[in-house]
Amino acid sequence: MTDILGAVVPAWMRGGPGTRDPGQISFTNASLKTLIANAYGVKPYQISGPTWLELVGFNIIAKLPPGTSKEQLKLMLQNLLAERFKLTLHHETKELPVYALVVAKNGPKMKVSAGPDASGSWGPWNDSARWVSPNETMPHLADFLSPGLDRPVIDATGLAAKYDVTLYWAPENMRRQPTERNTGVEAVDPAPTIFAALQQQLGLKLEPRLSPMDILVIDHAEKTPIEN
């Protein structure tokens, strides 16, 4: 592992096992929380530590031996964090508020995918957001939904297939009010909330729950890594 540098560009990760560049992996402007999440295979909300873990970015460029697996890469990253950042941590189990992604009363409305894997896309669309993703898995859909909500989303659908997903909704910061009918302009209903959109368009539902989770509690970490 080489070249740990303070970074000033947007966060990015590329390369590594299973990619077109398996012999090298690079993190650009990655926070220490992001590095820990990748090293231990957890989500950022499962890491409990000081605020600066999210605020300082680092560049890491690592050459990997031929045939390195994803699990071996995790161990390499764990060793790097321990050696260069003096990271120490312990595990705790805590109950956290989550949304469980479940199948709604009348069953899923999604079409099972038949084509090859493809990456999804999303973005603003007429004062709303649109997510189009062929071959979508339910765990990945839960991960996609989590950042836009007030708590993480976990997959509890029990659906193992891949689906072609098109989802149209209005995030809270993009929602608009219907046009007043007495102005002479035809009323325009706002796009649905993510909660309504999931039920209406995909046949899924978000249920608030408490769920036990493995939490990584950071005992110590250095802000300035040891040089090569």
Foldseek 3Di string as FASTA:
>chain_A
DAAKDWADDDWDKDEDPPHPHNQKIKIGFAFQLRLLCQLVVHDSVQEADDPSSHVTGIIDMDGHDPPQDSNNVSVVSVVQQCAWWVWDWDKDKDWDKEWEKEFADVGWPFAFADDDADAWDKDDDPLWIKIWGFQADQQVVQVVCQVLDPHGYGYPHPDGTGTGDIFIAHRPVRWDPWDDVVVVDDTDHTGHHRQVRCCVGTRIHIDIDIDIDMHIYIPGTHPGTDHD
